[in-house]
Amino acid sequence: FTMHTPYVCVTSTRFCPPAERYTMPGRAPGIYECDRHCADNYFKLKLADSDIEYLLRGNTVFVKNELATIPPEIDRIVFHKLPS
């Protein structure tokens, strides 16, 4: 098994939410080629009824992995360099 730390990928899409919503308002919704203008930026997302904080970076949503110990069945650890 593989453990991702300190962030775990929740979901990813071909649709680029940052480009559509924040950098190019008024652009027709669709799937556009990524120009990597937000490669070093991220957005913190938090649902009103939840304590979980998500990070949106590019077209992928991450959540912080809060495991205190590594389970014995883990044979590979992947470290993600995301903002903390």
PDB file of N, CA and C in Angstrom:
ATOM      1  N   PHE A   1       0.824  -1.180   0.000  1.00  0.00           N
ATOM      2  CA  PHE A   1       0.000   0.000   0.000  1.00  0.00           C
ATOM      3  C   PHE A   1       0.868   1.243   0.000  1.00  0.00           C
ATOM      4  N   THR A   2       0.325   2.328  -0.521  1.00  0.00           N
ATOM      5  CA  THR A   2       1.029   3.600  -0.578  1.00  0.00           C
ATOM      6  C   THR A   2       0.321   4.619   0.302  1.00  0.00           C
ATOM      7  N   MET A   3       1.091   5.398   1.034  1.00  0.00           N
ATOM      8  CA  MET A   3       0.528   6.476   1.841  1.00  0.00           C
ATOM      9  C   MET A   3       1.053   7.796   1.292  1.00  0.00           C
ATOM     10  N   HIS A   4       0.140   8.731   1.043  1.00  0.00           N
ATOM     11  CA  HIS A   4       0.513  10.059   0.578  1.00  0.00           C
ATOM     12  C   HIS A   4       0.507  11.006   1.772  1.00  0.00           C
ATOM     13  N   THR A   5       1.555  11.804   1.890  1.00  0.00           N
ATOM     14  CA  THR A   5       1.655  12.722   3.016  1.00  0.00           C
ATOM     15  C   THR A   5       2.426  13.972   2.604  1.00  0.00           C
ATOM     16  N   PRO A   6       2.274  15.107   3.173  1.00  0.00           N
ATOM     17  CA  PRO A   6       1.247  15.428   4.147  1.00  0.00           C
ATOM     18  C   PRO A   6      -0.104  15.737   3.516  1.00  0.00           C
ATOM     19  N   TYR A   7      -0.213  15.660   2.197  1.00  0.00           N
ATOM     20  CA  TYR A   7      -1.498  15.905   1.532  1.00  0.00           C
ATOM     21  C   TYR A   7      -1.912  14.717   0.679  1.00  0.00           C
ATOM     22  N   VAL A   8      -3.217  14.502   0.624  1.00  0.00           N
ATOM     23  CA  VAL A   8      -3.801  13.404  -0.142  1.00  0.00           C
ATOM     24  C   VAL A   8      -4.685  14.006  -1.223  1.00  0.00           C
ATOM     25  N   CYS A   9      -4.596  13.479  -2.422  1.00  0.00           N
ATOM     26  CA  CYS A   9      -5.447  13.922  -3.526  1.00  0.00           C
ATOM     27  C   CYS A   9      -6.873  13.432  -3.281  1.00  0.00           C
ATOM     28  N   VAL A  10      -7.826  14.357  -3.321  1.00  0.00           N
ATOM     29  CA  VAL A  10      -9.238  14.015  -3.150  1.00  0.00           C
ATOM     30  C   VAL A  10      -9.872  13.783  -4.513  1.00  0.00           C
ATOM     31  N   THR A  11      -9.648  14.719  -5.424  1.00  0.00           N
ATOM     32  CA  THR A  11     -10.211  14.602  -6.758  1.00  0.00           C
ATOM     33  C   THR A  11      -9.441  15.500  -7.722  1.00  0.00           C
ATOM     34  N   SER A  12      -9.542  15.181  -8.991  1.00  0.00           N
ATOM     35  CA  SER A  12      -8.895  15.976 -10.020  1.00  0.00           C
ATOM     36  C   SER A  12      -9.800  15.996 -11.249  1.00  0.00           C
ATOM     37  N   THR A  13      -9.671  17.027 -12.055  1.00  0.00           N
ATOM     38  CA  THR A  13     -10.537  17.181 -13.210  1.00  0.00           C
ATOM     39  C   THR A  13      -9.760  17.779 -14.375  1.00  0.00           C
ATOM     40  N   ARG A  14     -10.293  17.661 -15.565  1.00  0.00           N
ATOM     41  CA  ARG A  14      -9.701  18.325 -16.727  1.00  0.00           C
ATOM     42  C   ARG A  14     -10.132  19.783 -16.775  1.00  0.00           C
ATOM     43  N   PHE A  15     -11.197  20.124 -16.089  1.00  0.00           N
ATOM     44  CA  PHE A  15     -11.708  21.483 -16.003  1.00  0.00           C
ATOM     45  C   PHE A  15     -10.816  22.291 -15.072  1.00  0.00           C
ATOM     46  N   CYS A  16     -10.490  23.506 -15.416  1.00  0.00           N
ATOM     47  CA  CYS A  16      -9.605  24.329 -14.594  1.00  0.00           C
ATOM     48  C   CYS A  16     -10.412  25.387 -13.837  1.00  0.00           C
ATOM     49  N   PRO A  17     -10.840  25.088 -12.621  1.00  0.00           N
ATOM     50  CA  PRO A  17     -11.651  26.045 -11.854  1.00  0.00           C
ATOM     51  C   PRO A  17     -10.976  27.397 -11.625  1.00  0.00           C
ATOM     52  N   PRO A  18      -9.682  27.475 -11.270  1.00  0.00           N
ATOM     53  CA  PRO A  18      -9.091  28.801 -11.057  1.00  0.00           C
ATOM     54  C   PRO A  18      -9.125  29.673 -12.308  1.00  0.00           C
ATOM     55  N   ALA A  19      -8.823  29.113 -13.455  1.00  0.00           N
ATOM     56  CA  ALA A  19      -8.808  29.905 -14.687  1.00  0.00           C
ATOM     57  C   ALA A  19     -10.202  30.398 -15.031  1.00  0.00           C
ATOM     58  N   GLU A  20     -11.171  29.544 -14.852  1.00  0.00           N
ATOM     59  CA  GLU A  20     -12.538  29.904 -15.202  1.00  0.00           C
ATOM     60  C   GLU A  20     -13.119  30.940 -14.243  1.00  0.00           C
ATOM     61  N   ARG A  21     -12.874  30.764 -12.977  1.00  0.00           N
ATOM     62  CA  ARG A  21     -13.567  31.552 -11.976  1.00  0.00           C
ATOM     63  C   ARG A  21     -12.835  32.835 -11.582  1.00  0.00           C
ATOM     64  N   TYR A  22     -11.523  32.776 -11.463  1.00  0.00           N
ATOM     65  CA  TYR A  22     -10.795  33.888 -10.864  1.00  0.00           C
ATOM     66  C   TYR A  22      -9.948  34.700 -11.837  1.00  0.00           C
ATOM     67  N   THR A  23      -9.374  34.067 -12.826  1.00  0.00           N
ATOM     68  CA  THR A  23      -8.448  34.799 -13.683  1.00  0.00           C
ATOM     69  C   THR A  23      -9.056  35.227 -15.004  1.00  0.00           C
ATOM     70  N   MET A  24     -10.147  34.596 -15.412  1.00  0.00           N
ATOM     71  CA  MET A  24     -10.758  34.937 -16.687  1.00  0.00           C
ATOM     72  C   MET A  24     -12.274  35.047 -16.552  1.00  0.00           C
ATOM     73  N   PRO A  25     -12.766  35.977 -15.740  1.00  0.00           N
ATOM     74  CA  PRO A  25     -14.210  36.094 -15.566  1.00  0.00           C
ATOM     75  C   PRO A  25     -14.898  36.423 -16.890  1.00  0.00           C
ATOM     76  N   GLY A  26     -16.058  35.851 -17.079  1.00  0.00           N
ATOM     77  CA  GLY A  26     -16.819  36.095 -18.294  1.00  0.00           C
ATOM     78  C   GLY A  26     -16.499  35.134 -19.423  1.00  0.00           C
ATOM     79  N   ARG A  27     -15.473  34.330 -19.257  1.00  0.00           N
ATOM     80  CA  ARG A  27     -15.111  33.353 -20.287  1.00  0.00           C
ATOM     81  C   ARG A  27     -16.146  32.236 -20.313  1.00  0.00           C
ATOM     82  N   ALA A  28     -16.452  31.749 -21.481  1.00  0.00           N
ATOM     83  CA  ALA A  28     -17.445  30.679 -21.619  1.00  0.00           C
ATOM     84  C   ALA A  28     -16.946  29.424 -20.904  1.00  0.00           C
ATOM     85  N   PRO A  29     -17.803  28.763 -20.105  1.00  0.00           N
ATOM     86  CA  PRO A  29     -17.390  27.526 -19.428  1.00  0.00           C
ATOM     87  C   PRO A  29     -16.964  26.473 -20.435  1.00  0.00           C
ATOM     88  N   GLY A  30     -15.962  25.711 -20.072  1.00  0.00           N
ATOM     89  CA  GLY A  30     -15.478  24.664 -20.950  1.00  0.00           C
ATOM     90  C   GLY A  30     -14.181  24.091 -20.445  1.00  0.00           C
ATOM     91  N   ILE A  31     -13.601  23.221 -21.222  1.00  0.00           N
ATOM     92  CA  ILE A  31     -12.321  22.621 -20.866  1.00  0.00           C
ATOM     93  C   ILE A  31     -11.260  23.269 -21.744  1.00  0.00           C
ATOM     94  N   TYR A  32     -10.368  24.016 -21.106  1.00  0.00           N
ATOM     95  CA  TYR A  32      -9.336  24.738 -21.823  1.00  0.00           C
ATOM     96  C   TYR A  32      -7.965  24.162 -21.486  1.00  0.00           C
ATOM     97  N   GLU A  33      -7.030  24.323 -22.383  1.00  0.00           N
ATOM     98  CA  GLU A  33      -5.666  23.873 -22.147  1.00  0.00           C
ATOM     99  C   GLU A  33      -5.069  24.670 -20.990  1.00  0.00           C
ATOM    100  N   CYS A  34      -4.343  23.983 -20.142  1.00  0.00           N
ATOM    101  CA  CYS A  34      -3.745  24.607 -18.963  1.00  0.00           C
ATOM    102  C   CYS A  34      -2.516  25.416 -19.374  1.00  0.00           C
ATOM    103  N   ASP A  35      -2.469  26.675 -18.973  1.00  0.00           N
ATOM    104  CA  ASP A  35      -1.286  27.484 -19.260  1.00  0.00           C
ATOM    105  C   ASP A  35      -0.404  27.644 -18.017  1.00  0.00           C
ATOM    106  N   ARG A  36      -0.720  26.908 -16.944  1.00  0.00           N
ATOM    107  CA  ARG A  36       0.067  26.824 -15.708  1.00  0.00           C
ATOM    108  C   ARG A  36       0.287  28.170 -15.036  1.00  0.00           C
ATOM    109  N   HIS A  37      -0.623  29.118 -15.243  1.00  0.00           N
ATOM    110  CA  HIS A  37      -0.474  30.427 -14.618  1.00  0.00           C
ATOM    111  C   HIS A  37      -0.672  30.379 -13.100  1.00  0.00           C
ATOM    112  N   CYS A  38      -1.257  29.325 -12.587  1.00  0.00           N
ATOM    113  CA  CYS A  38      -1.484  29.229 -11.143  1.00  0.00           C
ATOM    114  C   CYS A  38      -0.645  28.123 -10.502  1.00  0.00           C
ATOM    115  N   ALA A  39       0.439  27.713 -11.142  1.00  0.00           N
ATOM    116  CA  ALA A  39       1.247  26.588 -10.664  1.00  0.00           C
ATOM    117  C   ALA A  39       1.776  26.789  -9.245  1.00  0.00           C
ATOM    118  N   ASP A  40       2.025  28.017  -8.851  1.00  0.00           N
ATOM    119  CA  ASP A  40       2.562  28.279  -7.516  1.00  0.00           C
ATOM    120  C   ASP A  40       1.511  28.840  -6.555  1.00  0.00           C
ATOM    121  N   ASN A  41       0.267  28.838  -6.965  1.00  0.00           N
ATOM    122  CA  ASN A  41      -0.811  29.377  -6.134  1.00  0.00           C
ATOM    123  C   ASN A  41      -1.777  28.279  -5.724  1.00  0.00           C
ATOM    124  N   TYR A  42      -2.507  28.542  -4.670  1.00  0.00           N
ATOM    125  CA  TYR A  42      -3.536  27.605  -4.233  1.00  0.00           C
ATOM    126  C   TYR A  42      -4.652  28.370  -3.551  1.00  0.00           C
ATOM    127  N   PHE A  43      -5.785  27.718  -3.408  1.00  0.00           N
ATOM    128  CA  PHE A  43      -6.943  28.293  -2.741  1.00  0.00           C
ATOM    129  C   PHE A  43      -7.324  27.382  -1.586  1.00  0.00           C
ATOM    130  N   LYS A  44      -7.634  27.966  -0.440  1.00  0.00           N
ATOM    131  CA  LYS A  44      -8.131  27.185   0.695  1.00  0.00           C
ATOM    132  C   LYS A  44      -9.639  27.159   0.614  1.00  0.00           C
ATOM    133  N   LEU A  45     -10.194  25.968   0.732  1.00  0.00           N
ATOM    134  CA  LEU A  45     -11.640  25.784   0.661  1.00  0.00           C
ATOM    135  C   LEU A  45     -12.128  25.155   1.965  1.00  0.00           C
ATOM    136  N   LYS A  46     -13.235  25.660   2.475  1.00  0.00           N
ATOM    137  CA  LYS A  46     -13.797  25.083   3.689  1.00  0.00           C
ATOM    138  C   LYS A  46     -15.316  25.125   3.592  1.00  0.00           C
ATOM    139  N   LEU A  47     -15.944  23.971   3.793  1.00  0.00           N
ATOM    140  CA  LEU A  47     -17.394  23.904   3.768  1.00  0.00           C
ATOM    141  C   LEU A  47     -17.937  24.516   5.051  1.00  0.00           C
ATOM    142  N   ALA A  48     -19.092  25.139   4.960  1.00  0.00           N
ATOM    143  CA  ALA A  48     -19.670  25.826   6.119  1.00  0.00           C
ATOM    144  C   ALA A  48     -19.967  24.878   7.277  1.00  0.00           C
ATOM    145  N   ASP A  49     -20.339  23.641   6.985  1.00  0.00           N
ATOM    146  CA  ASP A  49     -20.738  22.703   8.045  1.00  0.00           C
ATOM    147  C   ASP A  49     -19.661  21.658   8.347  1.00  0.00           C
ATOM    148  N   SER A  50     -18.393  21.946   8.029  1.00  0.00           N
ATOM    149  CA  SER A  50     -17.317  20.972   8.223  1.00  0.00           C
ATOM    150  C   SER A  50     -16.061  21.661   8.756  1.00  0.00           C
ATOM    151  N   ASP A  51     -15.257  20.902   9.490  1.00  0.00           N
ATOM    152  CA  ASP A  51     -13.978  21.418   9.986  1.00  0.00           C
ATOM    153  C   ASP A  51     -12.823  21.087   9.050  1.00  0.00           C
ATOM    154  N   ILE A  52     -13.094  20.345   7.992  1.00  0.00           N
ATOM    155  CA  ILE A  52     -12.045  19.926   7.060  1.00  0.00           C
ATOM    156  C   ILE A  52     -11.702  21.074   6.118  1.00  0.00           C
ATOM    157  N   GLU A  53     -10.399  21.334   5.979  1.00  0.00           N
ATOM    158  CA  GLU A  53      -9.936  22.360   5.054  1.00  0.00           C
ATOM    159  C   GLU A  53      -9.321  21.680   3.834  1.00  0.00           C
ATOM    160  N   TYR A  54      -9.752  22.097   2.657  1.00  0.00           N
ATOM    161  CA  TYR A  54      -9.257  21.552   1.406  1.00  0.00           C
ATOM    162  C   TYR A  54      -8.350  22.573   0.741  1.00  0.00           C
ATOM    163  N   LEU A  55      -7.413  22.097  -0.057  1.00  0.00           N
ATOM    164  CA  LEU A  55      -6.564  22.968  -0.862  1.00  0.00           C
ATOM    165  C   LEU A  55      -6.856  22.699  -2.331  1.00  0.00           C
ATOM    166  N   LEU A  56      -7.162  23.743  -3.065  1.00  0.00           N
ATOM    167  CA  LEU A  56      -7.357  23.637  -4.513  1.00  0.00           C
ATOM    168  C   LEU A  56      -6.100  24.180  -5.158  1.00  0.00           C
ATOM    169  N   ARG A  57      -5.380  23.326  -5.848  1.00  0.00           N
ATOM    170  CA  ARG A  57      -4.176  23.733  -6.563  1.00  0.00           C
ATOM    171  C   ARG A  57      -4.315  23.270  -8.005  1.00  0.00           C
ATOM    172  N   GLY A  58      -4.430  24.238  -8.889  1.00  0.00           N
ATOM    173  CA  GLY A  58      -4.668  23.899 -10.297  1.00  0.00           C
ATOM    174  C   GLY A  58      -6.021  23.232 -10.444  1.00  0.00           C
ATOM    175  N   ASN A  59      -6.024  22.029 -10.985  1.00  0.00           N
ATOM    176  CA  ASN A  59      -7.280  21.309 -11.186  1.00  0.00           C
ATOM    177  C   ASN A  59      -7.445  20.156 -10.196  1.00  0.00           C
ATOM    178  N   THR A  60      -6.705  20.183  -9.092  1.00  0.00           N
ATOM    179  CA  THR A  60      -6.734  19.092  -8.128  1.00  0.00           C
ATOM    180  C   THR A  60      -7.043  19.610  -6.730  1.00  0.00           C
ATOM    181  N   VAL A  61      -7.875  18.852  -6.006  1.00  0.00           N
ATOM    182  CA  VAL A  61      -8.224  19.178  -4.625  1.00  0.00           C
ATOM    183  C   VAL A  61      -7.476  18.218  -3.706  1.00  0.00           C
ATOM    184  N   PHE A  62      -6.832  18.770  -2.671  1.00  0.00           N
ATOM    185  CA  PHE A  62      -6.076  17.986  -1.694  1.00  0.00           C
ATOM    186  C   PHE A  62      -6.642  18.205  -0.303  1.00  0.00           C
ATOM    187  N   VAL A  63      -6.399  17.253   0.575  1.00  0.00           N
ATOM    188  CA  VAL A  63      -6.746  17.386   1.992  1.00  0.00           C
ATOM    189  C   VAL A  63      -5.525  16.936   2.785  1.00  0.00           C
ATOM    190  N   LYS A  64      -5.322  17.529   3.956  1.00  0.00           N
ATOM    191  CA  LYS A  64      -4.162  17.177   4.772  1.00  0.00           C
ATOM    192  C   LYS A  64      -4.358  15.803   5.390  1.00  0.00           C
ATOM    193  N   ASN A  65      -3.333  14.976   5.318  1.00  0.00           N
ATOM    194  CA  ASN A  65      -3.349  13.629   5.884  1.00  0.00           C
ATOM    195  C   ASN A  65      -2.998  13.746   7.359  1.00  0.00           C
ATOM    196  N   GLU A  66      -3.938  13.426   8.238  1.00  0.00           N
ATOM    197  CA  GLU A  66      -3.756  13.614   9.673  1.00  0.00           C
ATOM    198  C   GLU A  66      -3.369  12.338  10.412  1.00  0.00           C
ATOM    199  N   LEU A  67      -2.868  11.321   9.719  1.00  0.00           N
ATOM    200  CA  LEU A  67      -2.471  10.089  10.403  1.00  0.00           C
ATOM    201  C   LEU A  67      -1.275  10.347  11.313  1.00  0.00           C
ATOM    202  N   ALA A  68      -1.375   9.916  12.562  1.00  0.00           N
ATOM    203  CA  ALA A  68      -0.289  10.127  13.522  1.00  0.00           C
ATOM    204  C   ALA A  68       0.808   9.073  13.364  1.00  0.00           C
ATOM    205  N   THR A  69       0.423   7.857  13.023  1.00  0.00           N
ATOM    206  CA  THR A  69       1.396   6.782  12.850  1.00  0.00           C
ATOM    207  C   THR A  69       1.208   6.132  11.488  1.00  0.00           C
ATOM    208  N   ILE A  70       2.250   5.520  11.018  1.00  0.00           N
ATOM    209  CA  ILE A  70       2.187   4.834   9.729  1.00  0.00           C
ATOM    210  C   ILE A  70       1.728   3.403   9.954  1.00  0.00           C
ATOM    211  N   PRO A  71       0.617   2.988   9.329  1.00  0.00           N
ATOM    212  CA  PRO A  71       0.154   1.611   9.472  1.00  0.00           C
ATOM    213  C   PRO A  71       1.198   0.615   8.964  1.00  0.00           C
ATOM    214  N   PRO A  72       1.272  -0.579   9.548  1.00  0.00           N
ATOM    215  CA  PRO A  72       2.306  -1.550   9.164  1.00  0.00           C
ATOM    216  C   PRO A  72       2.207  -2.041   7.728  1.00  0.00           C
ATOM    217  N   GLU A  73       1.032  -1.985   7.116  1.00  0.00           N
ATOM    218  CA  GLU A  73       0.884  -2.483   5.746  1.00  0.00           C
ATOM    219  C   GLU A  73       1.389  -1.491   4.687  1.00  0.00           C
ATOM    220  N   ILE A  74       1.826  -0.307   5.082  1.00  0.00           N
ATOM    221  CA  ILE A  74       2.344   0.689   4.150  1.00  0.00           C
ATOM    222  C   ILE A  74       3.764   0.311   3.734  1.00  0.00           C
ATOM    223  N   ASP A  75       4.003   0.220   2.432  1.00  0.00           N
ATOM    224  CA  ASP A  75       5.347  -0.110   1.954  1.00  0.00           C
ATOM    225  C   ASP A  75       5.963   1.005   1.096  1.00  0.00           C
ATOM    226  N   ARG A  76       5.212   2.093   0.899  1.00  0.00           N
ATOM    227  CA  ARG A  76       5.715   3.207   0.103  1.00  0.00           C
ATOM    228  C   ARG A  76       5.096   4.502   0.619  1.00  0.00           C
ATOM    229  N   ILE A  77       5.899   5.541   0.763  1.00  0.00           N
ATOM    230  CA  ILE A  77       5.408   6.842   1.199  1.00  0.00           C
ATOM    231  C   ILE A  77       5.721   7.864   0.116  1.00  0.00           C
ATOM    232  N   VAL A  78       4.707   8.646  -0.275  1.00  0.00           N
ATOM    233  CA  VAL A  78       4.862   9.688  -1.288  1.00  0.00           C
ATOM    234  C   VAL A  78       4.689  11.028  -0.590  1.00  0.00           C
ATOM    235  N   PHE A  79       5.698  11.905  -0.689  1.00  0.00           N
ATOM    236  CA  PHE A  79       5.630  13.226  -0.092  1.00  0.00           C
ATOM    237  C   PHE A  79       5.225  14.234  -1.163  1.00  0.00           C
ATOM    238  N   HIS A  80       4.230  15.072  -0.824  1.00  0.00           N
ATOM    239  CA  HIS A  80       3.760  16.099  -1.747  1.00  0.00           C
ATOM    240  C   HIS A  80       4.224  17.461  -1.253  1.00  0.00           C
ATOM    241  N   LYS A  81       4.871  18.217  -2.100  1.00  0.00           N
ATOM    242  CA  LYS A  81       5.327  19.557  -1.744  1.00  0.00           C
ATOM    243  C   LYS A  81       4.225  20.549  -2.039  1.00  0.00           C
ATOM    244  N   LEU A  82       3.345  20.716  -1.097  1.00  0.00           N
ATOM    245  CA  LEU A  82       2.258  21.667  -1.208  1.00  0.00           C
ATOM    246  C   LEU A  82       2.395  22.662  -0.068  1.00  0.00           C
ATOM    247  N   PRO A  83       1.763  23.817  -0.181  1.00  0.00           N
ATOM    248  CA  PRO A  83       1.834  24.779   0.916  1.00  0.00           C
ATOM    249  C   PRO A  83       1.181  24.221   2.178  1.00  0.00           C
ATOM    250  N   SER A  84       1.702  24.622   3.312  1.00  0.00           N
ATOM    251  CA  SER A  84       1.122  24.138   4.566  1.00  0.00           C
ATOM    252  C   SER A  84       0.405  25.263   5.279  1.00  0.00           C
TER     253      SER A  84
END
